[in-house]
Amino acid sequence: MFEIRRAELADAQRLSHVMSAAFLADPVSRWLIPDPDERTMRQPAFFRVYLEWALMWGEVYTTTNLEGIALWCLVDPSDQLDGTEDDKAFRDALGPAYDRFVALRKASEAVHPMNAPHYFLPFLAVVPERQNQGLGRLLLRHKLHGTQYPTYLEASNIRSRDLYDRLQFKQLPSRIMLPDDGPFMYPMWRRPT
């Protein structure tokens, strides 16, 4: 039985490695950092930037054994945040892959609905040996249950898109197309229930 709890800053190192392991073979991760050795080296620091931001400004849920993680943030279209410090952190983490990250972020921002407050799920990750055991679904349902806001996410592969579809997310009309023969991402929206 998995139990869900709020993550803390003390969990950040372990959870950044959980995220890295979960996304190591993901199509978007392979596009972002094509060299597998470079990806293995850089991804924990990359995910740590997101994780620390979500711990400070959003909500991060994990399991008691730290084998899964969900990052959530409430997006209010009227708020404008300065990302200058984050850009430096991402540049330091990604090194030569930073330009691809900028392209990814621009492509994502172009389709992200910004007409109403909503939750954004930038990452849901489960260690590979625990995938397909219901842990990701449990982490999702923990936050989705009873929320008054719609939820937005971008599925990075067909398998995750299908999981979200079973949880009442609907694919939006436009896909995110990454340059240089990159993979598609699937923007999805879920109304509150």
N, C-alpha and C. Protein backbone atom coordinates (compact mmCIF):
# COMPACT_ATOMS: atom_id res chain seq x y z
N MET A 1 0.84 -1.19 0.00
CA MET A 1 0.00 0.00 0.00
C MET A 1 0.88 1.25 0.00
N PHE A 2 0.57 2.16 -0.91
CA PHE A 2 1.33 3.40 -1.00
C PHE A 2 0.61 4.49 -0.21
N GLU A 3 1.37 5.30 0.51
CA GLU A 3 0.80 6.45 1.21
C GLU A 3 1.41 7.71 0.62
N ILE A 4 0.59 8.74 0.48
CA ILE A 4 1.00 10.01 -0.12
C ILE A 4 1.23 11.03 0.97
N ARG A 5 2.29 11.82 0.81
CA ARG A 5 2.56 12.92 1.74
C ARG A 5 3.16 14.09 0.98
N ARG A 6 3.15 15.26 1.60
CA ARG A 6 3.81 16.43 1.01
C ARG A 6 5.32 16.21 1.08
N ALA A 7 6.00 16.54 -0.01
CA ALA A 7 7.46 16.46 -0.03
C ALA A 7 8.04 17.67 0.68
N GLU A 8 9.26 17.52 1.15
CA GLU A 8 9.98 18.58 1.84
C GLU A 8 11.32 18.81 1.14
N LEU A 9 11.94 19.94 1.44
CA LEU A 9 13.23 20.25 0.84
C LEU A 9 14.26 19.16 1.11
N ALA A 10 14.18 18.52 2.26
CA ALA A 10 15.12 17.44 2.59
C ALA A 10 14.98 16.26 1.64
N ASP A 11 13.85 16.14 0.95
CA ASP A 11 13.63 15.05 -0.01
C ASP A 11 14.17 15.37 -1.41
N ALA A 12 14.58 16.61 -1.63
CA ALA A 12 14.85 17.09 -2.99
C ALA A 12 15.92 16.28 -3.71
N GLN A 13 17.00 15.95 -3.05
CA GLN A 13 18.07 15.22 -3.74
C GLN A 13 17.57 13.86 -4.23
N ARG A 14 16.95 13.11 -3.35
CA ARG A 14 16.43 11.78 -3.73
C ARG A 14 15.37 11.90 -4.82
N LEU A 15 14.44 12.85 -4.67
CA LEU A 15 13.35 12.97 -5.64
C LEU A 15 13.82 13.46 -7.00
N SER A 16 14.88 14.27 -7.05
CA SER A 16 15.41 14.67 -8.36
C SER A 16 15.98 13.47 -9.10
N HIS A 17 16.52 12.50 -8.37
CA HIS A 17 17.02 11.27 -8.98
C HIS A 17 15.86 10.35 -9.39
N VAL A 18 14.77 10.36 -8.63
CA VAL A 18 13.58 9.61 -9.02
C VAL A 18 13.06 10.15 -10.35
N MET A 19 12.96 11.46 -10.47
CA MET A 19 12.48 12.08 -11.71
C MET A 19 13.41 11.75 -12.87
N SER A 20 14.72 11.84 -12.62
CA SER A 20 15.68 11.54 -13.67
C SER A 20 15.56 10.10 -14.15
N ALA A 21 15.45 9.17 -13.23
CA ALA A 21 15.32 7.76 -13.61
C ALA A 21 14.03 7.52 -14.38
N ALA A 22 12.96 8.15 -13.94
CA ALA A 22 11.66 7.96 -14.59
C ALA A 22 11.66 8.47 -16.03
N PHE A 23 12.39 9.55 -16.28
CA PHE A 23 12.36 10.18 -17.60
C PHE A 23 13.59 9.89 -18.45
N LEU A 24 14.47 9.03 -18.00
CA LEU A 24 15.71 8.79 -18.72
C LEU A 24 15.48 8.33 -20.16
N ALA A 25 14.49 7.49 -20.39
CA ALA A 25 14.21 6.98 -21.74
C ALA A 25 13.04 7.68 -22.41
N ASP A 26 12.49 8.70 -21.78
CA ASP A 26 11.35 9.42 -22.33
C ASP A 26 11.72 10.11 -23.65
N PRO A 27 10.83 10.12 -24.63
CA PRO A 27 11.16 10.74 -25.93
C PRO A 27 11.58 12.21 -25.83
N VAL A 28 10.92 12.97 -24.97
CA VAL A 28 11.28 14.39 -24.85
C VAL A 28 12.65 14.53 -24.19
N SER A 29 12.93 13.73 -23.17
CA SER A 29 14.25 13.77 -22.54
C SER A 29 15.35 13.38 -23.51
N ARG A 30 15.08 12.37 -24.33
CA ARG A 30 16.08 11.95 -25.33
C ARG A 30 16.30 13.03 -26.37
N TRP A 31 15.26 13.77 -26.71
CA TRP A 31 15.41 14.88 -27.65
C TRP A 31 16.18 16.03 -26.99
N LEU A 32 15.83 16.34 -25.73
CA LEU A 32 16.45 17.46 -25.04
C LEU A 32 17.95 17.25 -24.85
N ILE A 33 18.33 16.06 -24.41
CA ILE A 33 19.75 15.73 -24.19
C ILE A 33 20.00 14.41 -24.91
N PRO A 34 20.38 14.47 -26.18
CA PRO A 34 20.47 13.25 -27.00
C PRO A 34 21.51 12.23 -26.51
N ASP A 35 22.63 12.67 -26.00
CA ASP A 35 23.66 11.74 -25.56
C ASP A 35 23.24 11.10 -24.24
N PRO A 36 23.13 9.76 -24.19
CA PRO A 36 22.64 9.10 -22.96
C PRO A 36 23.51 9.34 -21.73
N ASP A 37 24.83 9.40 -21.91
CA ASP A 37 25.70 9.64 -20.76
C ASP A 37 25.52 11.07 -20.23
N GLU A 38 25.42 12.00 -21.16
CA GLU A 38 25.19 13.40 -20.77
C GLU A 38 23.83 13.54 -20.09
N ARG A 39 22.83 12.85 -20.61
CA ARG A 39 21.48 12.89 -20.02
C ARG A 39 21.51 12.35 -18.59
N THR A 40 22.16 11.22 -18.40
CA THR A 40 22.26 10.62 -17.06
C THR A 40 22.93 11.58 -16.09
N MET A 41 23.94 12.30 -16.57
CA MET A 41 24.68 13.22 -15.71
C MET A 41 23.88 14.49 -15.40
N ARG A 42 23.19 15.04 -16.41
CA ARG A 42 22.58 16.37 -16.27
C ARG A 42 21.14 16.36 -15.75
N GLN A 43 20.41 15.29 -15.98
CA GLN A 43 19.00 15.32 -15.63
C GLN A 43 18.71 15.54 -14.14
N PRO A 44 19.44 14.95 -13.20
CA PRO A 44 19.11 15.23 -11.79
C PRO A 44 19.16 16.72 -11.45
N ALA A 45 20.15 17.44 -11.94
CA ALA A 45 20.23 18.88 -11.66
C ALA A 45 19.11 19.64 -12.36
N PHE A 46 18.76 19.22 -13.57
CA PHE A 46 17.66 19.83 -14.32
C PHE A 46 16.35 19.68 -13.55
N PHE A 47 16.05 18.46 -13.12
CA PHE A 47 14.81 18.24 -12.38
C PHE A 47 14.84 18.90 -11.01
N ARG A 48 16.00 19.04 -10.44
CA ARG A 48 16.11 19.70 -9.13
C ARG A 48 15.65 21.16 -9.21
N VAL A 49 15.92 21.83 -10.33
CA VAL A 49 15.46 23.21 -10.50
C VAL A 49 13.93 23.25 -10.43
N TYR A 50 13.29 22.39 -11.19
CA TYR A 50 11.82 22.33 -11.16
C TYR A 50 11.31 21.98 -9.76
N LEU A 51 11.94 21.00 -9.17
CA LEU A 51 11.50 20.51 -7.87
C LEU A 51 11.59 21.59 -6.79
N GLU A 52 12.71 22.29 -6.73
CA GLU A 52 12.86 23.34 -5.73
C GLU A 52 11.88 24.48 -5.96
N TRP A 53 11.62 24.79 -7.24
CA TRP A 53 10.64 25.83 -7.55
C TRP A 53 9.27 25.39 -7.06
N ALA A 54 8.89 24.14 -7.35
CA ALA A 54 7.57 23.65 -6.94
C ALA A 54 7.45 23.55 -5.42
N LEU A 55 8.52 23.20 -4.74
CA LEU A 55 8.49 23.15 -3.28
C LEU A 55 8.26 24.54 -2.69
N MET A 56 8.80 25.56 -3.36
CA MET A 56 8.66 26.92 -2.86
C MET A 56 7.33 27.55 -3.26
N TRP A 57 6.90 27.34 -4.51
CA TRP A 57 5.76 28.07 -5.05
C TRP A 57 4.54 27.21 -5.33
N GLY A 58 4.68 25.92 -5.28
CA GLY A 58 3.56 25.05 -5.61
C GLY A 58 3.36 23.99 -4.55
N GLU A 59 3.03 22.81 -5.00
CA GLU A 59 2.83 21.67 -4.11
C GLU A 59 3.53 20.47 -4.73
N VAL A 60 4.21 19.72 -3.89
CA VAL A 60 4.89 18.51 -4.33
C VAL A 60 4.44 17.38 -3.43
N TYR A 61 3.95 16.32 -4.06
CA TYR A 61 3.51 15.14 -3.31
C TYR A 61 4.39 13.96 -3.70
N THR A 62 4.65 13.13 -2.72
CA THR A 62 5.46 11.94 -2.93
C THR A 62 4.87 10.80 -2.11
N THR A 63 5.47 9.67 -2.23
CA THR A 63 5.08 8.53 -1.41
C THR A 63 6.00 8.45 -0.20
N THR A 64 5.58 7.74 0.82
CA THR A 64 6.41 7.64 2.01
C THR A 64 7.77 7.00 1.72
N ASN A 65 7.84 6.17 0.67
CA ASN A 65 9.12 5.54 0.32
C ASN A 65 9.86 6.29 -0.79
N LEU A 66 9.36 7.47 -1.18
CA LEU A 66 9.99 8.34 -2.18
C LEU A 66 10.20 7.64 -3.53
N GLU A 67 9.21 6.89 -3.97
CA GLU A 67 9.31 6.20 -5.25
C GLU A 67 8.48 6.86 -6.35
N GLY A 68 7.71 7.86 -5.99
CA GLY A 68 6.92 8.59 -6.98
C GLY A 68 6.78 10.03 -6.55
N ILE A 69 6.50 10.89 -7.52
CA ILE A 69 6.41 12.32 -7.23
C ILE A 69 5.49 13.00 -8.23
N ALA A 70 4.73 13.98 -7.74
CA ALA A 70 3.89 14.81 -8.58
C ALA A 70 4.13 16.27 -8.21
N LEU A 71 4.46 17.10 -9.21
CA LEU A 71 4.67 18.53 -9.00
C LEU A 71 3.43 19.26 -9.49
N TRP A 72 2.90 20.14 -8.67
CA TRP A 72 1.70 20.90 -9.01
C TRP A 72 1.96 22.38 -8.77
N CYS A 73 1.40 23.21 -9.64
CA CYS A 73 1.40 24.64 -9.34
C CYS A 73 0.08 25.23 -9.82
N LEU A 74 -0.42 26.17 -9.04
CA LEU A 74 -1.64 26.86 -9.41
C LEU A 74 -1.24 28.04 -10.29
N VAL A 75 -1.76 28.05 -11.50
CA VAL A 75 -1.43 29.09 -12.47
C VAL A 75 -2.55 30.12 -12.46
N ASP A 76 -2.18 31.34 -12.20
CA ASP A 76 -3.12 32.46 -12.29
C ASP A 76 -2.64 33.33 -13.45
N PRO A 77 -3.40 33.38 -14.54
CA PRO A 77 -2.94 34.14 -15.71
C PRO A 77 -2.62 35.60 -15.44
N SER A 78 -3.15 36.16 -14.34
CA SER A 78 -2.88 37.57 -14.05
C SER A 78 -1.52 37.77 -13.39
N ASP A 79 -0.90 36.69 -12.89
CA ASP A 79 0.42 36.80 -12.27
C ASP A 79 1.52 36.74 -13.33
N GLN A 80 2.50 37.58 -13.20
CA GLN A 80 3.66 37.56 -14.09
C GLN A 80 4.90 37.34 -13.24
N LEU A 81 5.57 36.21 -13.44
CA LEU A 81 6.77 35.91 -12.66
C LEU A 81 8.03 36.16 -13.48
N ASP A 82 9.05 36.64 -12.83
CA ASP A 82 10.34 36.85 -13.47
C ASP A 82 11.15 35.57 -13.38
N GLY A 83 11.50 35.00 -14.53
CA GLY A 83 12.21 33.72 -14.54
C GLY A 83 13.71 33.85 -14.70
N THR A 84 14.29 35.02 -14.45
CA THR A 84 15.71 35.24 -14.68
C THR A 84 16.59 34.28 -13.89
N GLU A 85 16.29 34.11 -12.59
CA GLU A 85 17.09 33.21 -11.76
C GLU A 85 16.94 31.77 -12.23
N ASP A 86 15.71 31.39 -12.60
CA ASP A 86 15.48 30.03 -13.10
C ASP A 86 16.26 29.80 -14.39
N ASP A 87 16.32 30.79 -15.26
CA ASP A 87 17.06 30.63 -16.51
C ASP A 87 18.53 30.32 -16.23
N LYS A 88 19.12 31.00 -15.28
CA LYS A 88 20.52 30.72 -14.95
C LYS A 88 20.66 29.30 -14.41
N ALA A 89 19.74 28.91 -13.54
CA ALA A 89 19.80 27.56 -12.97
C ALA A 89 19.63 26.50 -14.06
N PHE A 90 18.70 26.71 -14.99
CA PHE A 90 18.52 25.77 -16.09
C PHE A 90 19.74 25.74 -16.99
N ARG A 91 20.32 26.90 -17.26
CA ARG A 91 21.53 26.96 -18.11
C ARG A 91 22.67 26.19 -17.44
N ASP A 92 22.84 26.37 -16.14
CA ASP A 92 23.89 25.64 -15.42
C ASP A 92 23.65 24.14 -15.45
N ALA A 93 22.38 23.74 -15.27
CA ALA A 93 22.05 22.32 -15.22
C ALA A 93 22.19 21.65 -16.58
N LEU A 94 21.77 22.35 -17.63
CA LEU A 94 21.69 21.72 -18.95
C LEU A 94 22.92 21.90 -19.82
N GLY A 95 23.73 22.90 -19.53
CA GLY A 95 24.92 23.12 -20.35
C GLY A 95 24.55 23.29 -21.82
N PRO A 96 25.14 22.49 -22.72
CA PRO A 96 24.91 22.66 -24.16
C PRO A 96 23.47 22.36 -24.59
N ALA A 97 22.67 21.74 -23.75
CA ALA A 97 21.27 21.44 -24.10
C ALA A 97 20.33 22.59 -23.77
N TYR A 98 20.87 23.67 -23.22
CA TYR A 98 20.01 24.78 -22.80
C TYR A 98 19.20 25.36 -23.96
N ASP A 99 19.80 25.50 -25.13
CA ASP A 99 19.08 26.08 -26.27
C ASP A 99 17.88 25.21 -26.67
N ARG A 100 18.03 23.91 -26.58
CA ARG A 100 16.88 23.03 -26.85
C ARG A 100 15.79 23.23 -25.80
N PHE A 101 16.20 23.43 -24.55
CA PHE A 101 15.23 23.67 -23.49
C PHE A 101 14.45 24.95 -23.77
N VAL A 102 15.12 25.98 -24.23
CA VAL A 102 14.43 27.23 -24.57
C VAL A 102 13.40 26.98 -25.67
N ALA A 103 13.77 26.20 -26.68
CA ALA A 103 12.83 25.86 -27.75
C ALA A 103 11.65 25.07 -27.21
N LEU A 104 11.91 24.13 -26.31
CA LEU A 104 10.85 23.35 -25.69
C LEU A 104 9.92 24.25 -24.89
N ARG A 105 10.48 25.15 -24.11
CA ARG A 105 9.66 26.04 -23.29
C ARG A 105 8.80 26.95 -24.16
N LYS A 106 9.37 27.48 -25.24
CA LYS A 106 8.58 28.35 -26.13
C LYS A 106 7.45 27.58 -26.80
N ALA A 107 7.73 26.37 -27.25
CA ALA A 107 6.69 25.56 -27.89
C ALA A 107 5.58 25.23 -26.89
N SER A 108 5.95 24.96 -25.66
CA SER A 108 4.98 24.66 -24.62
C SER A 108 4.14 25.90 -24.27
N GLU A 109 4.80 27.02 -24.09
CA GLU A 109 4.08 28.25 -23.74
C GLU A 109 3.10 28.67 -24.83
N ALA A 110 3.40 28.34 -26.08
CA ALA A 110 2.53 28.73 -27.18
C ALA A 110 1.16 28.05 -27.14
N VAL A 111 1.06 26.90 -26.50
CA VAL A 111 -0.22 26.18 -26.46
C VAL A 111 -0.83 26.12 -25.06
N HIS A 112 -0.11 26.52 -24.05
CA HIS A 112 -0.61 26.45 -22.67
C HIS A 112 -1.79 27.41 -22.51
N PRO A 113 -2.97 26.90 -22.18
CA PRO A 113 -4.13 27.79 -22.02
C PRO A 113 -3.92 28.74 -20.84
N MET A 114 -4.14 30.00 -21.08
CA MET A 114 -3.95 31.00 -20.04
C MET A 114 -5.17 31.89 -19.87
N ASN A 115 -6.36 31.30 -20.04
CA ASN A 115 -7.58 32.10 -19.96
C ASN A 115 -8.29 31.97 -18.62
N ALA A 116 -7.81 31.11 -17.72
CA ALA A 116 -8.45 30.93 -16.42
C ALA A 116 -7.45 30.33 -15.43
N PRO A 117 -7.63 30.58 -14.15
CA PRO A 117 -6.78 29.90 -13.16
C PRO A 117 -6.93 28.38 -13.28
N HIS A 118 -5.83 27.67 -13.11
CA HIS A 118 -5.85 26.21 -13.22
C HIS A 118 -4.61 25.63 -12.57
N TYR A 119 -4.70 24.35 -12.24
CA TYR A 119 -3.50 23.64 -11.79
C TYR A 119 -2.73 23.18 -13.02
N PHE A 120 -1.40 23.24 -12.90
CA PHE A 120 -0.51 22.73 -13.94
C PHE A 120 0.33 21.63 -13.31
N LEU A 121 0.35 20.50 -13.96
CA LEU A 121 1.15 19.36 -13.53
C LEU A 121 2.34 19.25 -14.49
N PRO A 122 3.49 19.88 -14.16
CA PRO A 122 4.62 19.80 -15.08
C PRO A 122 5.26 18.41 -15.12
N PHE A 123 5.22 17.69 -13.98
CA PHE A 123 5.84 16.36 -13.95
C PHE A 123 5.11 15.44 -12.99
N LEU A 124 4.94 14.23 -13.45
CA LEU A 124 4.51 13.10 -12.64
C LEU A 124 5.53 12.01 -12.93
N ALA A 125 6.21 11.51 -11.91
CA ALA A 125 7.30 10.55 -12.13
C ALA A 125 7.23 9.42 -11.12
N VAL A 126 7.51 8.22 -11.60
CA VAL A 126 7.58 7.03 -10.77
C VAL A 126 8.84 6.28 -11.17
N VAL A 127 9.60 5.79 -10.19
CA VAL A 127 10.82 5.04 -10.52
C VAL A 127 10.45 3.88 -11.44
N PRO A 128 11.33 3.55 -12.39
CA PRO A 128 10.99 2.52 -13.38
C PRO A 128 10.50 1.20 -12.80
N GLU A 129 11.09 0.74 -11.71
CA GLU A 129 10.70 -0.57 -11.17
C GLU A 129 9.31 -0.56 -10.51
N ARG A 130 8.73 0.62 -10.30
CA ARG A 130 7.39 0.72 -9.71
C ARG A 130 6.34 1.20 -10.72
N GLN A 131 6.75 1.42 -11.97
CA GLN A 131 5.79 1.87 -12.97
C GLN A 131 4.81 0.75 -13.29
N ASN A 132 3.62 1.15 -13.75
CA ASN A 132 2.54 0.22 -14.11
C ASN A 132 1.99 -0.55 -12.91
N GLN A 133 2.11 0.03 -11.72
CA GLN A 133 1.55 -0.58 -10.51
C GLN A 133 0.50 0.30 -9.85
N GLY A 134 0.10 1.39 -10.53
CA GLY A 134 -0.95 2.26 -10.01
C GLY A 134 -0.46 3.43 -9.18
N LEU A 135 0.85 3.56 -9.01
CA LEU A 135 1.38 4.63 -8.16
C LEU A 135 1.16 6.01 -8.79
N GLY A 136 1.39 6.13 -10.10
CA GLY A 136 1.16 7.41 -10.78
C GLY A 136 -0.30 7.82 -10.70
N ARG A 137 -1.19 6.88 -10.90
CA ARG A 137 -2.62 7.16 -10.82
C ARG A 137 -2.99 7.61 -9.40
N LEU A 138 -2.41 6.96 -8.38
CA LEU A 138 -2.67 7.34 -7.00
C LEU A 138 -2.20 8.77 -6.72
N LEU A 139 -1.01 9.11 -7.20
CA LEU A 139 -0.50 10.47 -7.02
C LEU A 139 -1.38 11.50 -7.71
N LEU A 140 -1.88 11.15 -8.89
CA LEU A 140 -2.78 12.07 -9.59
C LEU A 140 -4.09 12.24 -8.85
N ARG A 141 -4.69 11.15 -8.49
CA ARG A 141 -6.01 11.22 -7.83
C ARG A 141 -5.94 11.95 -6.50
N HIS A 142 -4.80 11.86 -5.83
CA HIS A 142 -4.65 12.53 -4.54
C HIS A 142 -4.94 14.03 -4.66
N LYS A 143 -4.44 14.64 -5.69
CA LYS A 143 -4.63 16.08 -5.87
C LYS A 143 -5.92 16.39 -6.63
N LEU A 144 -6.26 15.57 -7.60
CA LEU A 144 -7.43 15.84 -8.42
C LEU A 144 -8.74 15.69 -7.65
N HIS A 145 -8.75 14.85 -6.64
CA HIS A 145 -9.98 14.59 -5.90
C HIS A 145 -10.51 15.87 -5.25
N GLY A 146 -11.64 16.31 -5.72
CA GLY A 146 -12.31 17.44 -5.10
C GLY A 146 -11.74 18.81 -5.44
N THR A 147 -10.78 18.91 -6.38
CA THR A 147 -10.25 20.24 -6.70
C THR A 147 -11.29 21.07 -7.42
N GLN A 148 -11.28 22.35 -7.15
CA GLN A 148 -12.24 23.27 -7.78
C GLN A 148 -11.71 23.88 -9.08
N TYR A 149 -10.45 23.60 -9.39
CA TYR A 149 -9.85 24.17 -10.58
C TYR A 149 -9.68 23.12 -11.68
N PRO A 150 -9.70 23.56 -12.93
CA PRO A 150 -9.30 22.63 -14.00
C PRO A 150 -7.80 22.35 -13.88
N THR A 151 -7.35 21.33 -14.60
CA THR A 151 -5.94 20.93 -14.56
C THR A 151 -5.41 20.81 -15.98
N TYR A 152 -4.18 21.30 -16.16
CA TYR A 152 -3.50 21.23 -17.46
C TYR A 152 -2.21 20.45 -17.30
N LEU A 153 -1.87 19.67 -18.32
CA LEU A 153 -0.59 18.97 -18.37
C LEU A 153 -0.20 18.73 -19.82
N GLU A 154 1.02 18.30 -20.02
CA GLU A 154 1.52 17.97 -21.35
C GLU A 154 2.11 16.57 -21.31
N ALA A 155 1.40 15.62 -21.89
CA ALA A 155 1.89 14.24 -21.92
C ALA A 155 3.05 14.16 -22.91
N SER A 156 4.12 13.49 -22.49
CA SER A 156 5.33 13.44 -23.32
C SER A 156 5.41 12.19 -24.18
N ASN A 157 4.42 11.30 -24.03
CA ASN A 157 4.41 10.10 -24.86
C ASN A 157 2.99 9.53 -24.89
N ILE A 158 2.76 8.60 -25.77
CA ILE A 158 1.41 8.06 -25.96
C ILE A 158 0.95 7.28 -24.72
N ARG A 159 1.86 6.56 -24.08
CA ARG A 159 1.48 5.79 -22.89
C ARG A 159 0.95 6.70 -21.78
N SER A 160 1.65 7.80 -21.52
CA SER A 160 1.17 8.71 -20.47
C SER A 160 -0.10 9.43 -20.93
N ARG A 161 -0.18 9.74 -22.21
CA ARG A 161 -1.42 10.36 -22.72
C ARG A 161 -2.61 9.45 -22.46
N ASP A 162 -2.45 8.17 -22.69
CA ASP A 162 -3.54 7.22 -22.46
C ASP A 162 -3.91 7.11 -20.98
N LEU A 163 -2.91 7.17 -20.09
CA LEU A 163 -3.20 7.18 -18.65
C LEU A 163 -4.05 8.39 -18.29
N TYR A 164 -3.63 9.55 -18.75
CA TYR A 164 -4.37 10.77 -18.43
C TYR A 164 -5.78 10.74 -19.03
N ASP A 165 -5.90 10.17 -20.20
CA ASP A 165 -7.21 10.05 -20.83
C ASP A 165 -8.16 9.22 -19.94
N ARG A 166 -7.67 8.16 -19.35
CA ARG A 166 -8.49 7.33 -18.47
C ARG A 166 -8.90 8.09 -17.20
N LEU A 167 -8.19 9.17 -16.88
CA LEU A 167 -8.50 9.97 -15.69
C LEU A 167 -9.23 11.25 -16.06
N GLN A 168 -9.92 11.24 -17.19
CA GLN A 168 -10.81 12.31 -17.64
C GLN A 168 -10.10 13.55 -18.18
N PHE A 169 -8.82 13.43 -18.54
CA PHE A 169 -8.16 14.52 -19.26
C PHE A 169 -8.54 14.39 -20.72
N LYS A 170 -8.72 15.51 -21.37
CA LYS A 170 -9.03 15.53 -22.80
C LYS A 170 -7.89 16.19 -23.55
N GLN A 171 -7.47 15.56 -24.63
CA GLN A 171 -6.39 16.13 -25.44
C GLN A 171 -6.90 17.39 -26.13
N LEU A 172 -6.11 18.46 -26.06
CA LEU A 172 -6.45 19.71 -26.74
C LEU A 172 -6.16 19.56 -28.23
N PRO A 173 -6.77 20.41 -29.06
CA PRO A 173 -6.63 20.24 -30.51
C PRO A 173 -5.20 20.31 -31.06
N SER A 174 -4.37 21.17 -30.47
CA SER A 174 -3.02 21.30 -31.02
C SER A 174 -2.02 20.47 -30.23
N ARG A 175 -1.06 19.89 -30.94
CA ARG A 175 0.04 19.18 -30.29
C ARG A 175 1.25 20.10 -30.25
N ILE A 176 2.15 19.81 -29.35
CA ILE A 176 3.41 20.54 -29.28
C ILE A 176 4.39 19.77 -30.15
N MET A 177 4.92 20.45 -31.16
CA MET A 177 5.89 19.82 -32.06
C MET A 177 7.27 20.40 -31.78
N LEU A 178 8.19 19.56 -31.38
CA LEU A 178 9.54 20.02 -31.07
C LEU A 178 10.38 20.05 -32.34
N PRO A 179 11.27 21.03 -32.46
CA PRO A 179 12.07 21.16 -33.69
C PRO A 179 13.09 20.04 -33.84
N ASP A 180 13.77 20.06 -34.99
CA ASP A 180 14.84 19.10 -35.28
C ASP A 180 14.34 17.66 -35.19
N ASP A 181 13.22 17.41 -35.83
CA ASP A 181 12.61 16.07 -35.83
C ASP A 181 12.33 15.55 -34.42
N GLY A 182 11.99 16.46 -33.53
CA GLY A 182 11.67 16.07 -32.16
C GLY A 182 10.32 15.40 -32.05
N PRO A 183 10.02 14.84 -30.89
CA PRO A 183 8.75 14.15 -30.68
C PRO A 183 7.60 15.14 -30.47
N PHE A 184 6.40 14.61 -30.50
CA PHE A 184 5.22 15.38 -30.17
C PHE A 184 4.98 15.32 -28.66
N MET A 185 4.36 16.38 -28.16
CA MET A 185 3.82 16.36 -26.81
C MET A 185 2.33 16.64 -26.94
N TYR A 186 1.56 16.15 -25.97
CA TYR A 186 0.11 16.19 -26.06
C TYR A 186 -0.46 17.05 -24.93
N PRO A 187 -0.85 18.30 -25.21
CA PRO A 187 -1.48 19.13 -24.18
C PRO A 187 -2.85 18.55 -23.82
N MET A 188 -3.13 18.50 -22.52
CA MET A 188 -4.38 17.90 -22.05
C MET A 188 -5.00 18.76 -20.95
N TRP A 189 -6.31 18.74 -20.89
CA TRP A 189 -7.07 19.58 -19.98
C TRP A 189 -8.12 18.72 -19.29
N ARG A 190 -8.30 18.96 -18.01
CA ARG A 190 -9.32 18.24 -17.25
C ARG A 190 -10.17 19.23 -16.48
N ARG A 191 -11.45 19.14 -16.66
CA ARG A 191 -12.37 19.98 -15.89
C ARG A 191 -12.50 19.43 -14.48
N PRO A 192 -12.76 20.31 -13.51
CA PRO A 192 -12.96 19.80 -12.14
C PRO A 192 -14.20 18.93 -12.07
N THR A 193 -14.18 17.96 -11.17
CA THR A 193 -15.35 17.08 -11.04
C THR A 193 -16.02 17.32 -9.70
